[in-house]
């Protein structure tokens, strides 16, 4: 597998549900800035969960967290659109 081939059953152009965790606090009112992802904050950790259309949208979310000077602690692809939920 290489950077061009993300692996079987995986596509960088497929909508998927992601969970992104970052140290710090983000207001729920910022959901629009994070592609409509739901935002929850507990114990100074913010969790964003939602469907992102492709990896460029994911990069937009990560870049926004970076601009806010928050440390991303995890990024998890939960499922691909259309997969069993």
Protein backbone atom coordinates (compact mmCIF):
# COMPACT_ATOMS: atom_id res chain seq x y z
CA UNK A 1 0.00 0.00 0.00
CA UNK A 2 1.25 3.51 -0.80
CA UNK A 3 0.02 7.11 -0.56
CA UNK A 4 -1.82 6.67 -3.86
CA UNK A 5 -3.63 3.50 -2.70
CA UNK A 6 -5.41 3.91 0.66
CA UNK A 7 -6.26 0.19 0.78
CA UNK A 8 -9.15 -2.10 -0.09
CA UNK A 9 -12.60 -0.65 0.47
CA UNK A 10 -11.20 2.78 1.29
CA UNK A 11 -11.58 5.92 -0.77
CA UNK A 12 -10.46 9.43 0.04
CA UNK A 13 -13.44 10.72 -1.99
CA UNK A 14 -16.12 8.84 -0.01
CA UNK A 15 -18.30 10.54 2.59
CA UNK A 16 -17.51 9.11 6.02
CA UNK A 17 -18.37 9.74 9.64
CA UNK A 18 -15.43 11.01 11.66
CA UNK A 19 -14.70 11.55 15.33
CA UNK A 20 -12.05 14.19 16.01
CA UNK A 21 -10.81 14.93 19.55
CA UNK A 22 -8.77 17.96 20.57
CA UNK A 23 -7.48 19.40 23.83
CA UNK A 24 -9.30 22.62 24.69
CA UNK A 25 -12.78 24.05 24.36
CA UNK A 26 -14.79 24.93 21.27
CA UNK A 27 -18.26 26.45 21.54
CA UNK A 28 -21.15 24.48 20.02
CA UNK A 29 -21.98 27.65 18.08
CA UNK A 30 -18.92 26.92 15.90
CA UNK A 31 -20.56 23.87 14.30
CA UNK A 32 -20.88 25.64 10.93
CA UNK A 33 -17.13 26.31 10.93
CA UNK A 34 -16.60 22.56 11.37
CA UNK A 35 -18.71 21.34 8.41
CA UNK A 36 -21.80 20.94 10.61
CA UNK A 37 -20.16 18.43 12.94
CA UNK A 38 -21.67 18.09 16.41
CA UNK A 39 -19.47 19.54 19.15
CA UNK A 40 -19.25 18.34 22.74
CA UNK A 41 -16.74 19.41 25.37
CA UNK A 42 -15.99 17.56 28.60
CA UNK A 43 -12.98 17.89 30.89
CA UNK A 44 -11.25 20.36 28.54
CA UNK A 45 -11.49 17.92 25.59
CA UNK A 46 -13.61 18.81 22.57
CA UNK A 47 -15.09 16.02 20.46
CA UNK A 48 -16.39 16.66 16.95
CA UNK A 49 -18.54 13.98 15.29
CA UNK A 50 -20.14 14.15 11.88
CA UNK A 51 -20.19 13.18 8.23
CA UNK A 52 -17.48 14.74 6.10
CA UNK A 53 -17.78 14.51 2.32
CA UNK A 54 -14.11 13.81 1.61
CA UNK A 55 -10.65 14.18 3.04
CA UNK A 56 -10.35 17.79 1.90
CA UNK A 57 -13.29 18.61 4.19
CA UNK A 58 -11.51 16.70 6.99
CA UNK A 59 -8.40 18.80 6.36
CA UNK A 60 -10.52 21.95 6.67
CA UNK A 61 -11.70 20.81 10.10
CA UNK A 62 -8.14 19.97 11.19
CA UNK A 63 -6.82 23.28 9.86
CA UNK A 64 -9.48 25.21 11.80
CA UNK A 65 -8.48 23.39 15.00
CA UNK A 66 -4.85 24.26 14.25
CA UNK A 67 -5.71 27.94 13.73
CA UNK A 68 -7.46 27.88 17.12
CA UNK A 69 -4.19 26.49 18.56
CA UNK A 70 -5.86 23.32 19.81
CA UNK A 71 -3.92 20.06 19.91
CA UNK A 72 -5.63 17.28 17.96
CA UNK A 73 -5.36 14.10 20.02
CA UNK A 74 -7.19 11.68 17.73
CA UNK A 75 -8.92 11.37 14.38
CA UNK A 76 -11.07 8.30 13.80
CA UNK A 77 -13.04 7.28 10.74
CA UNK A 78 -16.14 5.66 12.18
CA UNK A 79 -17.79 4.45 8.97
CA UNK A 80 -18.29 5.12 5.28
CA UNK A 81 -21.60 6.54 4.07
CA UNK A 82 -23.98 3.74 3.21
CA UNK A 83 -22.26 1.25 5.51
CA UNK A 84 -24.24 -0.41 8.26
CA UNK A 85 -24.62 1.88 11.24
